[in-house]
Amino acid sequence: MKMMQQRHKSNGFTLIELIISVVILGILIAAVAPLVSSAFMFMEAAKKDENEITNRNLANAMIDFSRTRTGVMKSRLPDPVNTSAPIVAGLFNEASTNSESIALGVLLKSTGVGPNQINFDNAVVQNARVYQRVSDLTFNMPLYVTTGPSMRLTYDYAVVYSTRCGAATACYTSASSSNPPGDSPVLNSGNYSSWKTVGSDYGAVAFSSLSEQKNLLRITAGRLNMLTERFNVDFHNKVRLSSADSATNFFPTNNGGLDLGNTNPVANMGCRDGWYTLSAANVDVLTQLGLDKSEYGVTPWGGIISYCRDYDPAGTGTHNSPPHYGALRINKGTTSLGVPAVISDAAILTF
C-alpha cells in the first residue's frame, strides 16, 4: 500500500510546477520574440541590400552597353523591354536575336547576375525588377568645357528598382509601359529629377548617359584640335617654302573633284571656298594631311565635319585674297548628322 502511494505521488506535475513552467516559458518567449523579429528584419534588410547591389550592377552594365553603340545611338541607353507579360518594363529579352540584344545580354550576365534574375528577383514568387527610361533629354555645354560654342548633348536618364509584384500576380500580368509593375509612378521628362519609389518598391538606382555624352564631346574637341593644328602646320610650312611677298592661300585645295570656290560668303556661313565634307569620297583634304577620314572626317556620333579654306565672315575681301583664314564647322546638335541649316545651329572654329 505504501509503495502504491509513493508511485502515485511521482506521476505528473503539480499545479505549482505547471504555473512555474508557464511563467518561465512566457519569460523565454518575451525574451526571444524581439530576437526573432530582429532576425527577420535583418534578413529583410539583407535581401533589400542584395537587390540594390544587383540593380546597381545591372545599371553599370547598361552604361557599358551604351558605349558599344554606334552613330547617333552611341552612348545612349537601351530601350526597356515591353513585350507584355512575361516581360514588362524589363531590362532584357532573352528571346531577341538581334545583335544589340545579344551584346546587352552578354554584359548583363557578365555582372554575375543569373539570367533568371535580370528581369525578376530570386524570390520564389519572382518579383519584378523594373527598368524605366526617359530619353532625348538635352544638356548644353561649351565645346571646350568652359569656352567655345555651346553644344547640345542628347542623353537618357533611367532607373532600375525592385518591387513586391510577383510575375504571376495581376499587378504584373496587367502591367504595361504606361503602368509599370509595382507601386511607383511612370518616369517621364516632367518628373525625372524628383522621381522616387513609393509603396513597397525599393532599391532604386538612378543613372544616365550624360557623362558618356560629355566624354564624346571631349573626343570631338580633341579631333577638332588635331585638325586645326594640322591645317596650321601645313599652311605655315608652305609659307616658309614660298617667296616672302607671296599672297597665295596655302590652305589645302580639294583635289578630289569637288570645287566649291568663290561663293558668296554672306549666303554661305562666311565661307568663300567650301564647306567641304571631310569624310566625302570626292574630298581628299585629310589624305593630303595624312589623317584618316573615318576618324577625323566625322564626330564620334557620325556627324559631318566641314572645312572652309577661305573664311571671310564679314564678306569684305575677295576670293583667296589675304589675310587667309580657314575654318571647321560642325552641328551644335551633336546627334544631328546633317550639316547645319542655319548659322545659329553651326559651331564654327577658325584658324
Protein backbone atom coordinates (compact mmCIF):
# COMPACT_ATOMS: atom_id res chain seq x y z
CA MET A 1 0.00 0.00 0.00
CA LYS A 2 2.79 2.36 0.89
CA MET A 3 4.61 1.58 -2.37
CA MET A 4 1.46 2.34 -4.39
CA GLN A 5 1.10 5.70 -2.65
CA GLN A 6 4.71 6.60 -3.44
CA ARG A 7 4.27 5.61 -7.11
CA HIS A 8 1.11 7.73 -7.30
CA LYS A 9 2.94 10.77 -5.92
CA SER A 10 5.72 10.53 -8.53
CA ASN A 11 3.42 10.77 -11.60
CA GLY A 12 2.58 14.12 -13.43
CA PHE A 13 3.22 17.76 -12.40
CA THR A 14 1.83 19.67 -9.54
CA LEU A 15 -0.13 22.84 -10.18
CA ILE A 16 2.69 24.93 -8.83
CA GLU A 17 5.15 23.27 -11.21
CA LEU A 18 2.84 23.97 -14.16
CA ILE A 19 2.47 27.58 -13.17
CA ILE A 20 6.21 27.96 -12.82
CA SER A 21 6.75 26.32 -16.23
CA VAL A 22 4.24 28.62 -17.90
CA VAL A 23 5.85 31.66 -16.31
CA ILE A 24 9.30 30.55 -17.44
CA LEU A 25 8.00 29.83 -20.95
CA GLY A 26 6.39 33.26 -21.07
CA ILE A 27 9.64 34.87 -19.97
CA LEU A 28 11.54 32.94 -22.65
CA ILE A 29 9.04 33.90 -25.34
CA ALA A 30 9.19 37.54 -24.27
CA ALA A 31 12.97 37.41 -24.39
CA VAL A 32 13.24 35.55 -27.69
CA ALA A 33 10.45 37.32 -29.62
CA PRO A 34 12.45 40.53 -30.22
CA LEU A 35 15.39 38.43 -31.33
CA VAL A 36 13.23 36.53 -33.82
CA SER A 37 11.73 39.79 -35.04
CA SER A 38 15.20 41.29 -35.35
CA ALA A 39 16.37 38.24 -37.27
CA PHE A 40 13.51 38.60 -39.75
CA MET A 41 14.19 42.33 -40.06
CA PHE A 42 17.87 41.61 -40.63
CA MET A 43 17.05 39.07 -43.32
CA GLU A 44 14.68 41.54 -44.99
CA ALA A 45 17.30 44.31 -44.89
CA ALA A 46 19.94 41.95 -46.29
CA LYS A 47 17.61 41.00 -49.13
CA LYS A 48 16.96 44.66 -49.94
CA ASP A 49 20.68 45.42 -49.88
CA GLU A 50 21.35 42.45 -52.15
CA ASN A 51 18.74 43.62 -54.64
CA GLU A 52 20.05 47.19 -54.60
CA ILE A 53 23.58 45.93 -55.33
CA THR A 54 22.17 43.80 -58.14
CA ASN A 55 20.29 46.81 -59.52
CA ARG A 56 23.48 48.88 -59.45
CA ASN A 57 25.47 46.17 -61.23
CA LEU A 58 22.81 45.91 -63.93
CA ALA A 59 22.75 49.70 -64.34
CA ASN A 60 26.53 49.74 -64.79
CA ALA A 61 26.22 47.01 -67.42
CA MET A 62 23.72 49.13 -69.36
CA ILE A 63 26.12 52.08 -69.23
CA ASP A 64 28.84 49.77 -70.59
CA PHE A 65 26.45 48.68 -73.34
CA SER A 66 25.79 52.30 -74.32
CA ARG A 67 29.49 52.71 -75.12
CA THR A 68 29.34 49.87 -77.65
CA ARG A 69 26.62 51.52 -79.73
CA THR A 70 27.45 53.47 -82.87
CA GLY A 71 26.26 56.56 -84.72
CA VAL A 72 23.62 58.77 -83.15
CA MET A 73 22.85 55.99 -80.64
CA LYS A 74 26.40 55.99 -79.29
CA SER A 75 26.35 56.29 -75.51
CA ARG A 76 22.54 56.02 -75.40
CA LEU A 77 20.80 53.62 -73.02
CA PRO A 78 18.85 50.61 -74.35
CA ASP A 79 15.07 50.61 -74.65
CA PRO A 80 13.08 49.00 -71.83
CA VAL A 81 11.63 45.65 -72.87
CA ASN A 82 7.85 45.87 -73.12
CA THR A 83 6.62 42.75 -74.87
CA SER A 84 3.74 42.47 -72.36
CA ALA A 85 3.83 39.55 -69.94
CA PRO A 86 6.14 37.69 -69.44
CA ILE A 87 8.32 40.84 -69.73
CA VAL A 88 7.04 44.31 -68.84
CA ALA A 89 9.37 47.26 -68.17
CA GLY A 90 12.21 44.76 -68.21
CA LEU A 91 15.91 45.05 -68.93
CA PHE A 92 16.48 42.24 -71.39
CA ASN A 93 14.58 39.94 -73.74
CA GLU A 94 16.27 36.54 -73.90
CA ALA A 95 14.22 35.62 -76.97
CA SER A 96 15.54 38.52 -79.07
CA THR A 97 18.18 37.56 -81.64
CA ASN A 98 19.30 40.97 -82.90
CA SER A 99 22.97 41.82 -82.39
CA GLU A 100 22.35 44.63 -79.90
CA SER A 101 20.17 42.43 -77.66
CA ILE A 102 22.81 39.72 -77.69
CA ALA A 103 25.53 42.23 -76.78
CA LEU A 104 23.38 43.65 -73.98
CA GLY A 105 22.68 40.16 -72.66
CA VAL A 106 26.38 39.33 -72.53
CA LEU A 107 27.14 42.45 -70.50
CA LEU A 108 24.21 41.97 -68.11
CA LYS A 109 25.15 38.36 -67.44
CA SER A 110 28.83 39.23 -67.00
CA THR A 111 27.91 41.12 -63.81
CA GLY A 112 27.38 37.76 -62.11
CA VAL A 113 23.60 38.16 -62.02
CA GLY A 114 21.86 34.95 -63.04
CA PRO A 115 19.88 35.06 -66.30
CA ASN A 116 16.65 34.44 -64.38
CA GLN A 117 17.35 37.36 -62.05
CA ILE A 118 17.74 40.11 -64.65
CA ASN A 119 14.04 40.90 -65.03
CA PHE A 120 12.99 39.35 -61.70
CA ASP A 121 14.50 38.76 -58.26
CA ASN A 122 15.38 35.33 -56.84
CA ALA A 123 12.30 35.02 -54.61
CA VAL A 124 10.03 32.01 -55.07
CA VAL A 125 7.27 34.27 -56.46
CA GLN A 126 9.76 36.06 -58.78
CA ASN A 127 9.09 39.72 -58.03
CA ALA A 128 9.53 42.08 -60.96
CA ARG A 129 12.67 44.15 -61.41
CA VAL A 130 11.63 47.31 -63.27
CA TYR A 131 13.66 49.41 -65.73
CA GLN A 132 12.26 52.79 -66.75
CA ARG A 133 13.96 55.31 -69.04
CA VAL A 134 13.23 58.81 -70.27
CA SER A 135 15.08 59.61 -73.49
CA ASP A 136 16.06 62.64 -75.58
CA LEU A 137 16.86 64.93 -72.68
CA THR A 138 19.21 67.76 -73.64
CA PHE A 139 22.11 69.48 -71.92
CA ASN A 140 24.06 72.46 -73.25
CA MET A 141 27.74 72.93 -72.53
CA PRO A 142 30.69 74.69 -74.22
CA LEU A 143 32.72 72.66 -76.69
CA TYR A 144 35.86 73.16 -74.61
CA VAL A 145 34.08 72.69 -71.24
CA THR A 146 34.41 76.35 -70.19
CA THR A 147 34.84 78.10 -73.55
CA GLY A 148 33.80 77.71 -77.15
CA PRO A 149 30.43 77.45 -78.87
CA SER A 150 27.58 75.96 -76.86
CA MET A 151 26.90 72.36 -77.89
CA ARG A 152 23.66 70.47 -77.36
CA LEU A 153 24.07 66.98 -75.90
CA THR A 154 21.22 64.47 -76.04
CA TYR A 155 21.11 61.86 -73.30
CA ASP A 156 18.92 59.40 -71.39
CA TYR A 157 18.00 59.11 -67.71
CA ALA A 158 16.87 55.82 -66.20
CA VAL A 159 16.05 53.95 -63.01
CA VAL A 160 16.20 50.27 -62.05
CA TYR A 161 14.33 49.19 -58.93
CA SER A 162 12.83 46.17 -57.18
CA THR A 163 9.16 45.51 -56.44
CA ARG A 164 6.87 43.18 -54.49
CA CYS A 165 4.98 42.44 -57.69
CA GLY A 166 5.08 38.70 -58.41
CA ALA A 167 5.33 37.53 -62.00
CA ALA A 168 2.12 35.50 -61.73
CA THR A 169 0.06 38.18 -59.98
CA ALA A 170 -2.40 40.66 -61.50
CA CYS A 171 -0.13 43.62 -60.74
CA TYR A 172 2.32 42.18 -63.26
CA THR A 173 0.11 40.48 -65.82
CA SER A 174 -1.97 43.66 -66.18
CA ALA A 175 1.06 45.99 -66.30
CA SER A 176 2.20 47.96 -69.34
CA SER A 177 4.75 50.61 -70.31
CA SER A 178 2.31 53.28 -69.10
CA ASN A 179 1.50 51.30 -65.96
CA PRO A 180 4.72 49.57 -64.87
CA PRO A 181 4.70 46.74 -62.31
CA GLY A 182 4.78 47.77 -58.67
CA ASP A 183 3.61 50.92 -56.92
CA SER A 184 5.90 53.61 -58.35
CA PRO A 185 4.82 56.14 -61.00
CA VAL A 186 5.87 56.29 -64.64
CA LEU A 187 9.21 58.05 -65.18
CA ASN A 188 8.94 60.95 -67.64
CA SER A 189 10.63 64.20 -68.66
CA GLY A 190 8.47 66.15 -66.23
CA ASN A 191 9.25 64.20 -63.06
CA TYR A 192 12.62 62.52 -63.58
CA SER A 193 14.51 64.97 -61.36
CA SER A 194 12.21 64.30 -58.38
CA TRP A 195 11.06 60.74 -59.14
CA LYS A 196 11.35 58.17 -56.35
CA THR A 197 9.90 54.78 -55.49
CA VAL A 198 6.69 54.64 -53.50
CA GLY A 199 4.74 51.93 -51.69
CA SER A 200 6.55 48.62 -51.39
CA ASP A 201 9.03 49.30 -54.22
CA TYR A 202 12.64 49.72 -53.11
CA GLY A 203 16.31 49.65 -54.09
CA ALA A 204 16.10 52.27 -56.85
CA VAL A 205 19.32 53.05 -58.71
CA ALA A 206 19.23 56.13 -60.95
CA PHE A 207 21.74 56.60 -63.77
CA SER A 208 22.13 58.48 -67.04
CA SER A 209 24.25 58.60 -70.18
CA LEU A 210 25.12 62.29 -69.76
CA SER A 211 28.67 61.65 -68.55
CA GLU A 212 29.25 59.42 -71.59
CA GLN A 213 27.92 62.15 -73.90
CA LYS A 214 30.28 64.65 -72.27
CA ASN A 215 33.15 62.25 -72.89
CA LEU A 216 32.22 62.06 -76.59
CA LEU A 217 32.23 65.86 -76.70
CA ARG A 218 35.77 65.85 -75.27
CA ILE A 219 36.77 63.44 -78.05
CA THR A 220 35.18 65.80 -80.58
CA ALA A 221 37.15 68.73 -79.21
CA GLY A 222 40.33 66.66 -79.44
CA ARG A 223 39.68 65.82 -83.10
CA LEU A 224 38.99 69.44 -83.96
CA ASN A 225 42.19 70.49 -82.18
CA MET A 226 44.16 67.95 -84.19
CA LEU A 227 42.61 69.18 -87.43
CA THR A 228 43.27 72.86 -86.77
CA GLU A 229 46.85 72.06 -85.76
CA ARG A 230 47.47 70.07 -88.96
CA PHE A 231 45.93 72.77 -91.15
CA ASN A 232 48.05 75.46 -89.48
CA VAL A 233 51.28 73.44 -89.67
CA ASP A 234 50.66 72.60 -93.33
CA PHE A 235 49.86 76.24 -94.14
CA HIS A 236 52.96 77.68 -92.43
CA ASN A 237 55.28 75.03 -93.87
CA LYS A 238 54.16 76.07 -97.35
CA VAL A 239 54.57 79.75 -96.45
CA ARG A 240 58.19 79.15 -95.40
CA LEU A 241 58.91 77.48 -98.73
CA SER A 242 57.38 80.33 -100.74
CA SER A 243 58.68 83.78 -101.63
CA ALA A 244 58.50 86.38 -98.89
CA ASP A 245 55.90 88.50 -100.69
CA SER A 246 53.61 85.61 -101.69
CA ALA A 247 49.88 86.29 -101.23
CA THR A 248 48.88 82.71 -102.07
CA ASN A 249 46.27 80.94 -99.98
CA PHE A 250 48.16 77.84 -98.88
CA PHE A 251 45.30 76.10 -97.10
CA PRO A 252 44.80 72.73 -98.84
CA THR A 253 42.77 72.75 -102.05
CA ASN A 254 40.47 69.81 -102.63
CA ASN A 255 41.81 67.64 -105.46
CA GLY A 256 39.05 65.06 -105.16
CA GLY A 257 36.86 66.50 -107.90
CA LEU A 258 34.59 68.84 -105.94
CA ASP A 259 35.14 72.60 -106.31
CA LEU A 260 33.10 74.94 -104.11
CA GLY A 261 35.31 78.00 -104.65
CA ASN A 262 34.39 81.68 -104.99
CA THR A 263 30.91 81.63 -103.48
CA ASN A 264 29.18 84.48 -101.66
CA PRO A 265 30.28 84.21 -98.00
CA VAL A 266 27.24 86.12 -96.75
CA ALA A 267 24.99 83.35 -98.08
CA ASN A 268 27.41 80.55 -97.15
CA MET A 269 28.01 80.98 -93.41
CA GLY A 270 31.08 83.14 -94.01
CA CYS A 271 32.88 80.81 -96.43
CA ARG A 272 34.09 81.75 -99.93
CA ASP A 273 35.51 78.30 -100.71
CA GLY A 274 33.65 75.39 -99.06
CA TRP A 275 32.15 73.89 -96.96
CA TYR A 276 33.83 70.60 -97.91
CA THR A 277 32.61 67.45 -96.15
CA LEU A 278 35.90 65.99 -94.94
CA SER A 279 34.64 62.41 -94.97
CA ALA A 280 33.24 62.58 -98.52
CA ALA A 281 34.67 60.32 -101.23
CA ASN A 282 35.27 63.31 -103.55
CA VAL A 283 37.17 65.30 -100.90
CA ASP A 284 40.83 64.38 -100.36
CA VAL A 285 41.91 67.14 -97.96
CA LEU A 286 42.51 64.81 -95.00
CA THR A 287 44.51 62.46 -97.21
CA GLN A 288 46.80 65.38 -98.04
CA LEU A 289 47.28 65.99 -94.32
CA GLY A 290 47.93 62.31 -93.58
CA LEU A 291 44.78 61.87 -91.49
CA ASP A 292 42.23 59.07 -91.59
CA LYS A 293 38.84 60.15 -92.97
CA SER A 294 36.91 57.60 -90.94
CA GLU A 295 38.23 59.10 -87.70
CA TYR A 296 38.87 62.78 -88.38
CA GLY A 297 36.21 63.32 -91.03
CA VAL A 298 33.32 62.84 -88.60
CA THR A 299 32.38 63.42 -84.98
CA PRO A 300 32.12 60.40 -82.63
CA TRP A 301 28.36 60.41 -83.34
CA GLY A 302 28.98 60.27 -87.10
CA GLY A 303 28.19 63.96 -87.64
CA ILE A 304 29.73 65.83 -90.57
CA ILE A 305 32.88 67.93 -90.10
CA SER A 306 33.11 70.54 -92.87
CA TYR A 307 36.17 72.51 -93.99
CA CYS A 308 36.39 76.02 -95.41
CA ARG A 309 39.71 77.09 -96.97
CA ASP A 310 38.76 80.75 -97.48
CA TYR A 311 36.81 82.04 -94.49
CA ASP A 312 35.58 85.65 -94.74
CA PRO A 313 32.51 86.09 -92.48
CA ALA A 314 32.38 89.87 -92.98
CA GLY A 315 32.41 89.45 -96.77
CA THR A 316 34.84 92.37 -97.17
CA GLY A 317 37.60 90.55 -99.05
CA THR A 318 37.88 88.83 -102.40
CA HIS A 319 38.41 85.21 -103.37
CA ASN A 320 41.74 83.90 -101.98
CA SER A 321 42.94 87.38 -101.04
CA PRO A 322 44.98 87.84 -97.83
CA PRO A 323 44.70 87.65 -94.91
CA HIS A 324 43.90 83.96 -95.17
CA TYR A 325 41.69 82.16 -92.68
CA GLY A 326 40.36 78.64 -92.66
CA ALA A 327 37.50 77.19 -90.63
CA LEU A 328 35.89 73.97 -89.48
CA ARG A 329 32.15 73.56 -88.96
CA ILE A 330 30.05 71.02 -87.07
CA ASN A 331 26.44 70.92 -85.97
CA LYS A 332 25.79 72.21 -82.45
CA GLY A 333 23.28 69.42 -82.05
CA THR A 334 25.71 66.56 -81.57
CA THR A 335 23.29 63.86 -82.70
CA SER A 336 22.26 65.78 -85.84
CA LEU A 337 24.06 64.06 -88.69
CA GLY A 338 23.33 66.64 -91.39
CA VAL A 339 25.03 69.97 -91.98
CA PRO A 340 23.56 72.88 -90.00
CA ALA A 341 20.75 74.56 -91.92
CA VAL A 342 21.19 77.97 -90.27
CA ILE A 343 24.16 79.78 -88.78
CA SER A 344 22.71 79.54 -85.26
CA ASP A 345 22.99 75.75 -85.47
CA ALA A 346 26.63 75.86 -86.57
CA ALA A 347 29.71 75.65 -84.37
CA ILE A 348 32.50 77.28 -86.42
CA LEU A 349 36.17 77.20 -85.40
CA THR A 350 38.62 79.41 -87.27
CA PHE A 351 42.36 79.08 -87.79
